Amino acid sequence: MSDILIREIVRKSIHLSGLLILFVYSFSDRSFVVFWLSLIVLAIFLAEWMRLKGYIRYPGFLLRPFEEHKVAGYIYSTTSALFVIVLFPKNVAMAAITMAIIGDLSSGIAGALMGNRANVRQMKLPHKPVSILIITFLMSLIPAYLVVDLTGVDQLPIVALVAGAVGATIADGVPWEIRGRVLDDNLTIPFTSAVLILLFSFG
């Protein structure tokens, strides 16, 4: 097993801790989750500021090389989860966060297995390989459907979940740039999927 794959599995395993947000939210209301998640976001913002200033160091396997001197992905994922919960209905938020966690996790591991062939930054590809896009779509759609079904929140039309999974796949697989700056997919995946799920829920 390559070092790249091992590092990605470890990073994504930690990424799975975001499922705790869904677990707590399924048994509580929005105000409770927003309160404690806001405290967590403040804490990790402080820790990230201290890391970037050099006051503390994280183990190397927690960060990708390009994150060494930039804001790391977990900042975006936790913050986006908070705002998605604030802005969208409970069932939509839970589905979108699931897509962001499981879909992105599957994409990352599949990309590590493929090596540089899947690295859109390094190889300057217009999008990730089709095989990874398919994996991302399926691993966004199926877990989100199960989470909505098993947690007892209001059901969502399958077409809405499909639309959300398509949005998650595009946000993960195609680099989004604003003024030459690539947006972090931990930010774009949950918002894109949540907007599309909500739009197609009214169909």
Protein backbone atom coordinates (compact mmCIF):
# COMPACT_ATOMS: atom_id res chain seq x y z
CA MET A 1 0.00 0.00 0.00
CA SER A 2 1.53 3.34 -1.06
CA ASP A 3 2.32 6.12 1.40
CA ILE A 4 -0.07 8.42 -0.49
CA LEU A 5 -2.93 5.94 -0.08
CA ILE A 6 -2.18 5.38 3.61
CA ARG A 7 -2.10 9.12 4.28
CA GLU A 8 -5.37 9.62 2.43
CA ILE A 9 -7.11 6.81 4.32
CA VAL A 10 -5.95 8.27 7.65
CA ARG A 11 -7.03 11.78 6.68
CA LYS A 12 -10.40 10.61 5.43
CA SER A 13 -10.92 8.46 8.52
CA ILE A 14 -10.61 11.62 10.58
CA HIS A 15 -12.92 13.31 8.07
CA LEU A 16 -15.54 10.70 9.03
CA SER A 17 -15.77 12.31 12.45
CA GLY A 18 -18.07 14.80 10.71
CA LEU A 19 -20.71 12.08 10.80
CA LEU A 20 -20.99 12.86 14.52
CA ILE A 21 -22.70 16.11 13.48
CA LEU A 22 -25.38 14.11 11.69
CA PHE A 23 -25.77 11.72 14.60
CA VAL A 24 -26.31 14.55 17.09
CA TYR A 25 -28.57 16.49 14.71
CA SER A 26 -30.80 13.46 14.15
CA PHE A 27 -31.65 13.42 17.88
CA SER A 28 -31.79 17.16 18.52
CA ASP A 29 -32.97 20.43 17.07
CA ARG A 30 -31.22 23.07 14.98
CA SER A 31 -30.56 25.55 17.80
CA PHE A 32 -28.74 22.97 19.92
CA VAL A 33 -26.51 21.81 17.04
CA VAL A 34 -25.79 25.37 15.89
CA PHE A 35 -24.76 26.33 19.43
CA TRP A 36 -22.23 23.56 20.05
CA LEU A 37 -21.00 23.46 16.46
CA SER A 38 -20.36 27.22 16.58
CA LEU A 39 -18.15 26.68 19.62
CA ILE A 40 -16.25 23.94 17.78
CA VAL A 41 -15.78 26.18 14.73
CA LEU A 42 -14.40 28.97 16.94
CA ALA A 43 -12.02 26.51 18.60
CA ILE A 44 -10.65 25.12 15.34
CA PHE A 45 -10.31 28.63 13.90
CA LEU A 46 -8.16 29.53 16.90
CA ALA A 47 -6.13 26.33 16.54
CA GLU A 48 -5.68 26.96 12.81
CA TRP A 49 -4.51 30.52 13.45
CA MET A 50 -1.98 29.18 15.95
CA ARG A 51 -0.81 26.54 13.44
CA LEU A 52 -0.33 29.04 10.63
CA LYS A 53 1.55 31.36 13.00
CA GLY A 54 3.85 28.50 13.98
CA TYR A 55 2.79 28.27 17.60
CA ILE A 56 1.64 24.66 17.24
CA ARG A 57 2.32 21.87 14.75
CA TYR A 58 0.09 19.06 13.56
CA PRO A 59 1.33 15.60 12.52
CA GLY A 60 2.30 15.70 8.85
CA PHE A 61 -0.24 13.06 7.81
CA LEU A 62 -3.13 15.34 8.77
CA LEU A 63 -2.34 17.87 6.05
CA ARG A 64 -1.83 17.74 2.33
CA PRO A 65 1.39 19.38 1.09
CA PHE A 66 -0.41 22.47 -0.25
CA GLU A 67 -2.11 22.94 3.15
CA GLU A 68 1.15 23.37 5.06
CA HIS A 69 1.01 27.17 4.79
CA LYS A 70 -2.66 27.62 3.88
CA VAL A 71 -5.99 27.15 5.61
CA ALA A 72 -6.65 23.40 5.79
CA GLY A 73 -9.71 21.63 4.43
CA TYR A 74 -11.21 20.77 7.83
CA ILE A 75 -11.81 24.48 8.45
CA TYR A 76 -13.97 24.66 5.33
CA SER A 77 -15.79 21.39 5.99
CA THR A 78 -16.75 22.25 9.57
CA THR A 79 -17.71 25.84 8.75
CA SER A 80 -19.76 24.82 5.72
CA ALA A 81 -21.58 22.20 7.79
CA LEU A 82 -22.53 24.90 10.29
CA PHE A 83 -23.87 27.26 7.63
CA VAL A 84 -25.73 24.51 5.76
CA ILE A 85 -27.49 23.58 9.02
CA VAL A 86 -28.38 27.24 9.62
CA LEU A 87 -29.63 27.93 6.08
CA PHE A 88 -31.41 24.75 4.99
CA PRO A 89 -34.16 22.44 6.29
CA LYS A 90 -32.98 19.57 8.47
CA ASN A 91 -33.44 16.82 5.88
CA VAL A 92 -31.69 18.83 3.17
CA ALA A 93 -28.79 19.72 5.45
CA MET A 94 -28.29 16.13 6.58
CA ALA A 95 -28.30 14.83 3.01
CA ALA A 96 -25.88 17.51 1.81
CA ILE A 97 -23.44 17.00 4.69
CA THR A 98 -23.51 13.24 4.07
CA MET A 99 -22.63 13.84 0.42
CA ALA A 100 -19.80 16.14 1.44
CA ILE A 101 -18.34 13.59 3.85
CA ILE A 102 -18.85 10.23 2.14
CA GLY A 103 -18.69 11.42 -1.46
CA ASP A 104 -15.50 13.39 -0.87
CA LEU A 105 -13.99 10.54 1.16
CA SER A 106 -14.66 8.04 -1.64
CA SER A 107 -13.28 10.41 -4.25
CA GLY A 108 -10.10 11.01 -2.23
CA ILE A 109 -9.38 7.32 -1.69
CA ALA A 110 -10.13 6.46 -5.33
CA GLY A 111 -7.84 9.30 -6.41
CA ALA A 112 -5.04 8.05 -4.14
CA LEU A 113 -5.36 4.60 -5.72
CA MET A 114 -4.98 6.14 -9.18
CA GLY A 115 -2.05 8.35 -8.17
CA ASN A 116 -1.09 11.37 -10.28
CA ARG A 117 -3.55 10.40 -13.01
CA ALA A 118 -6.33 11.77 -10.80
CA ASN A 119 -4.52 14.86 -9.49
CA VAL A 120 -6.25 17.77 -11.20
CA ARG A 121 -3.92 20.31 -9.59
CA GLN A 122 -0.65 18.59 -10.44
CA MET A 123 -1.66 17.32 -13.90
CA LYS A 124 -3.76 20.41 -14.71
CA LEU A 125 -6.74 18.26 -15.71
CA PRO A 126 -10.11 19.90 -16.50
CA HIS A 127 -11.83 17.38 -14.24
CA LYS A 128 -11.18 14.15 -12.35
CA PRO A 129 -11.29 10.87 -14.32
CA VAL A 130 -14.77 9.63 -15.21
CA SER A 131 -14.34 6.54 -13.02
CA ILE A 132 -13.85 8.77 -9.96
CA LEU A 133 -16.81 10.95 -10.93
CA ILE A 134 -19.02 7.85 -11.03
CA ILE A 135 -17.74 6.68 -7.63
CA THR A 136 -18.34 10.14 -6.15
CA PHE A 137 -21.89 10.24 -7.54
CA LEU A 138 -22.86 6.80 -6.22
CA MET A 139 -21.20 7.35 -2.85
CA SER A 140 -22.97 10.68 -2.50
CA LEU A 141 -26.40 9.40 -3.51
CA ILE A 142 -26.64 6.06 -1.69
CA PRO A 143 -25.41 7.13 1.79
CA ALA A 144 -27.50 10.32 1.66
CA TYR A 145 -30.60 8.29 0.82
CA LEU A 146 -29.87 5.92 3.71
CA VAL A 147 -29.22 8.72 6.19
CA VAL A 148 -32.49 10.47 5.33
CA ASP A 149 -34.36 7.17 5.45
CA LEU A 150 -32.88 5.85 8.69
CA THR A 151 -32.82 9.01 10.80
CA GLY A 152 -36.55 9.63 10.52
CA VAL A 153 -36.37 13.14 9.05
CA ASP A 154 -38.82 14.12 6.31
CA GLN A 155 -38.25 12.09 3.17
CA LEU A 156 -36.80 13.76 0.09
CA PRO A 157 -37.79 12.95 -3.52
CA ILE A 158 -35.27 10.66 -5.16
CA VAL A 159 -34.90 13.18 -7.99
CA ALA A 160 -33.79 15.77 -5.42
CA LEU A 161 -31.15 13.42 -4.01
CA VAL A 162 -29.96 12.57 -7.53
CA ALA A 163 -29.66 16.29 -8.30
CA GLY A 164 -27.74 16.83 -5.07
CA ALA A 165 -25.39 13.96 -5.88
CA VAL A 166 -24.76 15.41 -9.34
CA GLY A 167 -23.95 18.75 -7.73
CA ALA A 168 -21.62 17.11 -5.22
CA THR A 169 -19.87 15.23 -8.04
CA ILE A 170 -19.34 18.38 -10.10
CA ALA A 171 -18.17 20.38 -7.09
CA ASP A 172 -15.69 17.63 -6.20
CA GLY A 173 -14.56 16.66 -9.68
CA VAL A 174 -14.25 19.99 -11.47
CA PRO A 175 -11.96 22.75 -10.09
CA TRP A 176 -13.95 25.92 -9.39
CA GLU A 177 -11.93 29.11 -9.65
CA ILE A 178 -12.59 32.73 -8.72
CA ARG A 179 -9.93 35.16 -9.94
CA GLY A 180 -7.46 32.33 -10.36
CA ARG A 181 -8.05 30.94 -6.88
CA VAL A 182 -9.38 27.38 -6.66
CA LEU A 183 -12.25 27.05 -4.20
CA ASP A 184 -11.94 24.28 -1.63
CA ASP A 185 -14.37 21.44 -2.39
CA ASN A 186 -15.11 21.06 1.31
CA LEU A 187 -16.90 24.37 0.90
CA THR A 188 -18.47 23.93 -2.55
CA ILE A 189 -19.78 20.35 -2.18
CA PRO A 190 -22.25 20.83 0.70
CA PHE A 191 -23.58 24.18 -0.56
CA THR A 192 -23.99 23.01 -4.16
CA SER A 193 -25.71 19.78 -3.19
CA ALA A 194 -27.95 21.51 -0.62
CA VAL A 195 -29.13 24.15 -3.11
CA LEU A 196 -29.93 21.53 -5.76
CA ILE A 197 -31.68 19.21 -3.29
CA LEU A 198 -33.85 22.08 -2.11
CA LEU A 199 -34.68 23.24 -5.65
CA PHE A 200 -35.65 19.79 -6.85
CA SER A 201 -37.66 19.06 -3.70
CA PHE A 202 -40.36 21.38 -5.00
CA GLY A 203 -40.73 19.54 -8.29
